[in-house]
């Protein structure tokens, strides 16, 4: 399973079902909804500074908002595009848009189509979308709710389901485009281009892609040199305390790309975990030996914060546990790999290299 804001392991706090998870990680772009991640360098002292700003000038306090392009062009329609599920889809109107994942909603709004969006998936957690009607039930799409809104285009990804709902929407004659989910930073531009082409604004997609890639590159330039020449080892944990879900991320968790872009080593991947997630054990944590732990905010809160985290077997014995060193990022944005990824990367970098950037 791959966890992101859109998909997560089954459990009372996540709602996604095991059959929805793709091999690459059926827990992908939603984690909240389906799953997303968040942090704080607990135990490193207070910080009275104002909200830090990313290389793009946006502060972390803005993380629950998207930043639309200043002047997106008018759509040139109709267009016919290839859907990731092997079909061709013709779109002739963007008047009523329904994105079925939070990450796709983020792209649509940032391209400048917020006023045309008529519904949201529960994983669209940013401020501009919060008043829209939700068309998911326990994170599964309700075809009836979608159709009642008379959409002119529906956007989904390969982890969206159940399949019966997707079929029902298509059978009603609604153009429905399936987009490949994002696995890492290399997918950011691809997804932006795909959505922009479907909406008839490829030039806006190019503009947004270039803006996003530049901001990510600017954040990476701010990463300090490692004092001892060693990169910090960071383990990504997916936690849902109320559901007794405690997982250690591996190479396919979805977090590796972010950690590596932040100048860190994915401790789970480096320790030999080649899949998405494995149950946390003292042995697995000892082998990973993380200097810091990356968590989604809600996961961190679900175990009772730092005091609860170190009670999970094996964590207190790791360097991260002994130093009480945690990095947290909001569930609704951590693994979206979209227009706000520079802000996610900024949060990780600022927390990981606090106080001079020594990766302590």
Protein backbone atom coordinates (compact mmCIF):
# COMPACT_ATOMS: atom_id res chain seq x y z
CA UNK A 1 0.00 0.00 0.00
CA UNK A 2 1.17 3.48 -0.71
CA UNK A 3 -0.08 6.11 1.66
CA UNK A 4 -0.86 9.63 0.67
CA UNK A 5 -3.52 12.11 1.31
CA UNK A 6 -5.81 10.12 -0.92
CA UNK A 7 -5.41 6.55 0.34
CA UNK A 8 -4.42 4.69 3.45
CA UNK A 9 -4.51 1.37 5.25
CA UNK A 10 -7.94 0.17 6.30
CA UNK A 11 -9.04 1.24 9.75
CA UNK A 12 -11.59 3.37 11.59
CA UNK A 13 -9.55 6.49 11.00
CA UNK A 14 -8.92 5.96 7.32
CA UNK A 15 -11.90 4.27 5.75
CA UNK A 16 -10.14 3.09 2.59
CA UNK A 17 -10.58 -0.55 1.75
CA UNK A 18 -7.79 -3.00 1.00
CA UNK A 19 -9.16 -3.83 -2.44
CA UNK A 20 -8.61 -0.20 -3.49
CA UNK A 21 -4.86 -0.23 -2.98
CA UNK A 22 -2.72 -0.62 -6.10
CA UNK A 23 0.51 -2.57 -6.12
CA UNK A 24 2.58 0.55 -6.09
CA UNK A 25 0.75 1.56 -3.09
CA UNK A 26 -2.94 1.51 -2.75
CA UNK A 27 -2.86 3.96 -0.12
CA UNK A 28 -1.85 6.90 -2.12
CA UNK A 29 -2.85 10.38 -2.55
CA UNK A 30 -5.09 10.99 0.36
CA UNK A 31 -4.44 9.74 3.81
CA UNK A 32 -6.83 11.57 5.80
CA UNK A 33 -8.76 10.68 3.63
CA UNK A 34 -6.84 8.79 2.69
CA UNK A 35 -3.81 9.48 4.35
CA UNK A 36 -1.18 12.36 4.34
CA UNK A 37 1.71 13.34 6.71
CA UNK A 38 2.91 16.20 9.24
CA UNK A 39 5.46 17.45 11.99
CA UNK A 40 7.19 19.25 14.82
CA UNK A 41 10.69 19.06 16.20
CA UNK A 42 9.48 18.18 19.66
CA UNK A 43 11.96 18.42 22.48
CA UNK A 44 14.27 20.85 20.69
CA UNK A 45 13.08 23.91 22.54
CA UNK A 46 10.51 26.60 21.80
CA UNK A 47 10.35 28.75 18.73
CA UNK A 48 8.91 32.22 19.00
CA UNK A 49 9.80 33.21 15.46
CA UNK A 50 7.01 34.12 13.05
CA UNK A 51 5.76 31.45 10.69
CA UNK A 52 8.70 30.46 8.45
CA UNK A 53 8.51 31.20 4.73
CA UNK A 54 9.35 28.87 1.91
CA UNK A 55 11.56 29.78 -1.01
CA UNK A 56 8.38 30.88 -2.76
CA UNK A 57 7.66 33.39 0.00
CA UNK A 58 4.65 31.44 1.30
CA UNK A 59 4.59 30.80 5.04
CA UNK A 60 3.69 27.46 6.57
CA UNK A 61 0.57 29.16 7.89
CA UNK A 62 -0.64 29.31 4.27
CA UNK A 63 -0.38 25.53 3.88
CA UNK A 64 -4.17 25.05 4.00
CA UNK A 65 -4.67 27.27 0.95
CA UNK A 66 -3.72 26.88 -2.70
CA UNK A 67 -2.27 29.70 -4.80
CA UNK A 68 -4.04 29.95 -8.17
CA UNK A 69 -2.27 31.25 -11.24
CA UNK A 70 -2.74 34.99 -11.71
CA UNK A 71 -4.45 34.87 -15.10
CA UNK A 72 -5.19 31.43 -16.54
CA UNK A 73 -6.20 31.40 -20.22
CA UNK A 74 -9.68 30.53 -21.44
CA UNK A 75 -10.10 26.80 -22.16
CA UNK A 76 -9.80 25.67 -25.78
CA UNK A 77 -12.36 22.88 -26.10
CA UNK A 78 -13.31 20.27 -27.04
CA UNK A 79 -10.26 18.10 -26.36
CA UNK A 80 -9.83 14.33 -26.49
CA UNK A 81 -7.32 12.86 -24.03
CA UNK A 82 -6.08 9.41 -23.05
CA UNK A 83 -7.34 8.08 -19.72
CA UNK A 84 -5.01 5.96 -17.56
CA UNK A 85 -7.50 3.09 -17.67
CA UNK A 86 -7.12 2.71 -21.44
CA UNK A 87 -10.07 4.75 -22.69
CA UNK A 88 -10.24 8.01 -24.63
CA UNK A 89 -12.23 10.84 -23.11
CA UNK A 90 -13.64 13.88 -24.91
CA UNK A 91 -14.25 16.99 -22.82
CA UNK A 92 -16.28 19.83 -24.27
CA UNK A 93 -17.10 21.81 -21.11
CA UNK A 94 -15.36 22.73 -17.85
CA UNK A 95 -18.40 24.45 -16.38
CA UNK A 96 -18.95 21.87 -13.63
CA UNK A 97 -15.87 19.96 -12.48
CA UNK A 98 -15.74 17.15 -9.89
CA UNK A 99 -12.23 16.07 -8.85
CA UNK A 100 -12.38 12.82 -6.88
CA UNK A 101 -9.10 13.12 -4.96
CA UNK A 102 -7.68 15.92 -2.87
CA UNK A 103 -4.51 16.05 -4.93
CA UNK A 104 -6.44 16.49 -8.19
CA UNK A 105 -8.59 19.17 -6.57
CA UNK A 106 -5.41 21.01 -5.62
CA UNK A 107 -4.24 21.06 -9.25
CA UNK A 108 -7.66 22.12 -10.60
CA UNK A 109 -7.95 25.01 -8.15
CA UNK A 110 -4.37 26.14 -8.72
CA UNK A 111 -4.90 26.18 -12.49
CA UNK A 112 -7.65 28.73 -11.81
CA UNK A 113 -10.79 26.59 -12.08
CA UNK A 114 -11.93 26.87 -8.46
CA UNK A 115 -15.23 28.56 -9.34
CA UNK A 116 -16.16 25.71 -11.66
CA UNK A 117 -15.56 22.97 -9.09
CA UNK A 118 -18.94 21.81 -7.74
CA UNK A 119 -17.92 19.06 -5.31
CA UNK A 120 -14.97 17.58 -3.47
CA UNK A 121 -13.63 14.33 -2.17
CA UNK A 122 -13.18 14.23 1.59
CA UNK A 123 -9.42 14.44 1.07
CA UNK A 124 -9.58 17.97 -0.37
CA UNK A 125 -8.67 19.69 2.88
CA UNK A 126 -7.52 23.12 1.70
CA UNK A 127 -9.49 26.22 2.60
CA UNK A 128 -10.90 27.17 -0.81
CA UNK A 129 -12.61 23.79 -1.16
CA UNK A 130 -13.97 23.35 2.36
CA UNK A 131 -17.53 24.57 1.66
CA UNK A 132 -18.11 22.31 -1.33
CA UNK A 133 -20.39 19.28 -0.95
CA UNK A 134 -18.57 16.02 -0.28
CA UNK A 135 -19.32 13.20 -2.73
CA UNK A 136 -17.63 10.37 -0.85
CA UNK A 137 -18.91 8.05 1.83
CA UNK A 138 -16.24 6.62 4.12
CA UNK A 139 -13.91 7.71 1.31
CA UNK A 140 -15.70 5.66 -1.36
CA UNK A 141 -17.21 7.66 -4.20
CA UNK A 142 -20.98 8.00 -4.23
CA UNK A 143 -22.02 7.86 -7.90
CA UNK A 144 -25.47 9.17 -7.03
CA UNK A 145 -24.03 12.23 -5.29
CA UNK A 146 -21.72 12.96 -8.21
CA UNK A 147 -24.46 12.60 -10.84
CA UNK A 148 -26.88 14.77 -8.87
CA UNK A 149 -24.51 17.70 -9.40
CA UNK A 150 -24.62 17.33 -13.21
CA UNK A 151 -20.85 17.50 -13.76
CA UNK A 152 -19.41 18.19 -17.19
CA UNK A 153 -16.12 16.48 -16.31
CA UNK A 154 -15.04 14.14 -13.50
CA UNK A 155 -11.38 13.60 -12.61
CA UNK A 156 -10.26 10.45 -10.79
CA UNK A 157 -7.10 8.42 -10.40
CA UNK A 158 -6.43 4.70 -10.56
CA UNK A 159 -6.98 4.29 -6.83
CA UNK A 160 -10.45 5.89 -6.93
CA UNK A 161 -13.31 3.50 -6.33
CA UNK A 162 -15.33 1.46 -6.01
CA UNK A 163 -15.17 0.46 -9.67
CA UNK A 164 -18.96 0.18 -9.79
CA UNK A 165 -19.26 3.89 -9.01
CA UNK A 166 -16.81 4.80 -11.76
CA UNK A 167 -18.74 2.65 -14.25
CA UNK A 168 -22.04 4.18 -13.19
CA UNK A 169 -20.75 7.72 -13.75
CA UNK A 170 -19.40 6.81 -17.19
CA UNK A 171 -22.57 4.95 -18.14
CA UNK A 172 -24.48 8.15 -17.47
CA UNK A 173 -22.48 9.80 -20.27
CA UNK A 174 -20.24 11.95 -18.05
CA UNK A 175 -16.65 12.42 -19.32
CA UNK A 176 -14.47 10.79 -16.66
CA UNK A 177 -10.69 10.98 -16.89
CA UNK A 178 -8.51 8.64 -14.84
CA UNK A 179 -5.04 10.00 -14.00
CA UNK A 180 -2.05 7.96 -12.85
CA UNK A 181 -1.33 8.71 -9.16
CA UNK A 182 1.91 10.38 -8.12
CA UNK A 183 4.70 8.27 -6.66
CA UNK A 184 7.27 11.01 -6.18
CA UNK A 185 8.60 14.40 -7.22
CA UNK A 186 9.16 13.28 -10.80
CA UNK A 187 5.38 12.90 -11.19
CA UNK A 188 4.47 16.47 -10.22
CA UNK A 189 4.84 17.93 -13.71
CA UNK A 190 3.18 14.97 -15.41
CA UNK A 191 0.01 15.25 -13.35
CA UNK A 192 -0.21 19.01 -13.80
CA UNK A 193 0.17 18.62 -17.57
CA UNK A 194 -2.45 15.85 -17.70
CA UNK A 195 -5.08 17.85 -15.82
CA UNK A 196 -4.33 21.06 -17.71
CA UNK A 197 -4.67 19.31 -21.07
CA UNK A 198 -8.02 17.81 -20.03
CA UNK A 199 -9.28 21.25 -19.02
CA UNK A 200 -8.17 22.78 -22.31
CA UNK A 201 -5.41 24.98 -20.86
CA UNK A 202 -2.08 23.29 -21.68
CA UNK A 203 -0.21 26.61 -21.55
CA UNK A 204 -1.45 27.20 -18.00
CA UNK A 205 -0.24 23.72 -17.16
CA UNK A 206 3.21 24.57 -18.47
CA UNK A 207 3.24 27.79 -16.42
CA UNK A 208 2.17 26.01 -13.23
CA UNK A 209 4.60 23.17 -13.79
CA UNK A 210 7.50 25.56 -14.25
CA UNK A 211 6.48 27.60 -11.21
CA UNK A 212 6.22 24.50 -9.05
CA UNK A 213 9.50 22.97 -10.22
CA UNK A 214 11.35 26.27 -9.68
CA UNK A 215 10.02 26.60 -6.15
CA UNK A 216 11.01 23.04 -5.31
CA UNK A 217 14.50 23.70 -6.68
CA UNK A 218 14.75 26.91 -4.62
CA UNK A 219 13.90 25.01 -1.45
CA UNK A 220 16.57 22.43 -2.21
CA UNK A 221 19.15 25.21 -2.59
CA UNK A 222 18.40 26.21 1.01
CA UNK A 223 19.38 22.82 2.43
CA UNK A 224 22.47 23.34 4.61
CA UNK A 225 25.62 21.27 4.37
CA UNK A 226 25.76 18.35 6.78
CA UNK A 227 28.20 19.12 9.57
CA UNK A 228 29.72 15.65 9.65
CA UNK A 229 29.20 14.83 5.99
CA UNK A 230 26.47 12.34 6.84
CA UNK A 231 22.89 12.67 5.72
CA UNK A 232 20.25 12.38 8.47
CA UNK A 233 18.35 9.09 8.45
CA UNK A 234 14.59 9.64 8.57
CA UNK A 235 11.95 6.93 9.01
CA UNK A 236 8.44 7.55 7.75
CA UNK A 237 5.85 6.05 10.09
CA UNK A 238 2.14 5.72 9.41
CA UNK A 239 0.28 5.67 12.70
CA UNK A 240 -3.38 5.50 13.68
CA UNK A 241 -3.44 4.89 17.40
CA UNK A 242 -7.19 4.40 17.74
CA UNK A 243 -7.04 1.64 15.13
CA UNK A 244 -3.78 0.15 16.46
CA UNK A 245 -2.13 0.72 13.10
CA UNK A 246 1.65 1.16 13.41
CA UNK A 247 3.57 0.93 10.13
CA UNK A 248 7.13 1.64 9.01
CA UNK A 249 7.49 2.98 5.48
CA UNK A 250 9.73 1.34 2.90
CA UNK A 251 10.84 2.16 -0.63
CA UNK A 252 7.26 2.32 -1.98
CA UNK A 253 5.66 4.30 0.85
CA UNK A 254 5.58 7.49 -1.19
CA UNK A 255 7.81 9.44 1.18
CA UNK A 256 11.23 8.44 -0.16
CA UNK A 257 11.26 11.07 -2.89
CA UNK A 258 10.52 13.88 -0.42
CA UNK A 259 13.10 12.71 2.09
CA UNK A 260 15.79 12.39 -0.56
CA UNK A 261 14.91 15.81 -1.97
CA UNK A 262 15.36 17.17 1.57
CA UNK A 263 18.90 15.82 1.68
CA UNK A 264 18.01 12.92 3.95
CA UNK A 265 18.13 9.14 3.74
CA UNK A 266 14.88 7.16 3.87
CA UNK A 267 15.84 4.93 6.78
CA UNK A 268 13.19 2.30 6.02
CA UNK A 269 14.21 2.03 2.37
CA UNK A 270 17.90 2.01 3.26
CA UNK A 271 17.37 -0.80 5.77
CA UNK A 272 16.09 -3.07 3.00
CA UNK A 273 12.33 -2.53 3.08
CA UNK A 274 11.61 -2.65 -0.64
CA UNK A 275 7.80 -2.54 -0.51
CA UNK A 276 5.44 0.05 0.90
CA UNK A 277 4.91 -0.62 4.59
CA UNK A 278 5.70 -3.20 7.23
CA UNK A 279 4.45 -3.54 10.79
CA UNK A 280 6.65 -1.72 13.26
CA UNK A 281 8.85 -4.05 15.30
CA UNK A 282 11.80 -3.36 17.58
CA UNK A 283 14.00 -5.30 15.15
CA UNK A 284 12.89 -3.30 12.10
CA UNK A 285 13.39 0.00 13.90
CA UNK A 286 16.80 -1.04 15.18
CA UNK A 287 17.87 -1.87 11.63
CA UNK A 288 16.49 1.41 10.28
CA UNK A 289 18.12 3.39 13.13
CA UNK A 290 16.47 6.72 12.24
CA UNK A 291 17.86 10.03 13.45
CA UNK A 292 14.40 11.55 13.01
CA UNK A 293 10.87 10.33 12.37
CA UNK A 294 8.48 11.75 9.75
CA UNK A 295 4.81 11.60 10.68
CA UNK A 296 1.49 12.88 9.52
CA UNK A 297 0.08 15.35 12.02
CA UNK A 298 -3.04 13.34 12.78
CA UNK A 299 -1.00 10.18 13.19
CA UNK A 300 1.26 11.92 15.69
CA UNK A 301 -1.77 13.20 17.60
CA UNK A 302 -3.48 9.79 17.47
CA UNK A 303 -0.77 8.18 19.62
CA UNK A 304 -0.71 11.00 22.18
CA UNK A 305 2.13 13.09 20.81
CA UNK A 306 5.76 12.57 21.74
CA UNK A 307 5.05 10.86 25.06
CA UNK A 308 2.82 8.31 23.34
CA UNK A 309 5.16 7.87 20.39
CA UNK A 310 8.09 6.70 22.50
CA UNK A 311 5.87 4.07 24.13
CA UNK A 312 5.57 2.22 20.81
CA UNK A 313 7.96 -0.74 21.11
CA UNK A 314 11.37 0.02 19.66
CA UNK A 315 11.00 3.77 19.10
CA UNK A 316 12.53 4.92 22.38
CA UNK A 317 15.69 2.95 21.58
CA UNK A 318 16.28 4.63 18.20
CA UNK A 319 18.40 7.78 17.92
CA UNK A 320 15.20 9.64 16.97
CA UNK A 321 13.39 8.36 20.05
CA UNK A 322 16.25 9.14 22.39
CA UNK A 323 16.49 12.69 21.00
CA UNK A 324 12.67 12.99 20.80
CA UNK A 325 13.14 14.20 17.26
CA UNK A 326 10.06 14.28 15.06
CA UNK A 327 9.02 15.98 11.82
CA UNK A 328 5.30 16.39 11.11
CA UNK A 329 3.38 17.57 8.04
CA UNK A 330 -0.38 17.95 7.55
CA UNK A 331 -2.12 14.80 6.36
CA UNK A 332 -3.93 16.62 3.55
CA UNK A 333 -0.80 17.76 1.74
CA UNK A 334 2.20 15.58 2.60
CA UNK A 335 2.07 13.11 -0.28
CA UNK A 336 0.05 15.07 -2.81
CA UNK A 337 3.03 15.78 -5.05
CA UNK A 338 1.39 18.81 -6.58
CA UNK A 339 1.54 22.62 -6.63
CA UNK A 340 2.12 22.85 -2.86
CA UNK A 341 4.97 20.36 -2.67
CA UNK A 342 7.51 23.16 -2.24
CA UNK A 343 5.78 24.09 1.01
CA UNK A 344 5.83 20.47 2.18
CA UNK A 345 9.51 20.25 1.39
CA UNK A 346 10.13 23.54 3.19
CA UNK A 347 8.45 22.22 6.35
CA UNK A 348 10.53 19.06 6.28
CA UNK A 349 13.79 20.94 5.69
CA UNK A 350 13.12 23.56 8.36
CA UNK A 351 12.19 20.99 10.98
CA UNK A 352 14.93 18.54 10.09
CA UNK A 353 17.72 21.11 10.05
CA UNK A 354 16.53 23.27 12.93
CA UNK A 355 19.08 25.45 14.70
CA UNK A 356 21.74 25.85 12.09
CA UNK A 357 20.96 22.93 9.88
CA UNK A 358 23.19 20.34 11.47
CA UNK A 359 20.66 17.57 11.12
CA UNK A 360 21.42 17.08 14.79
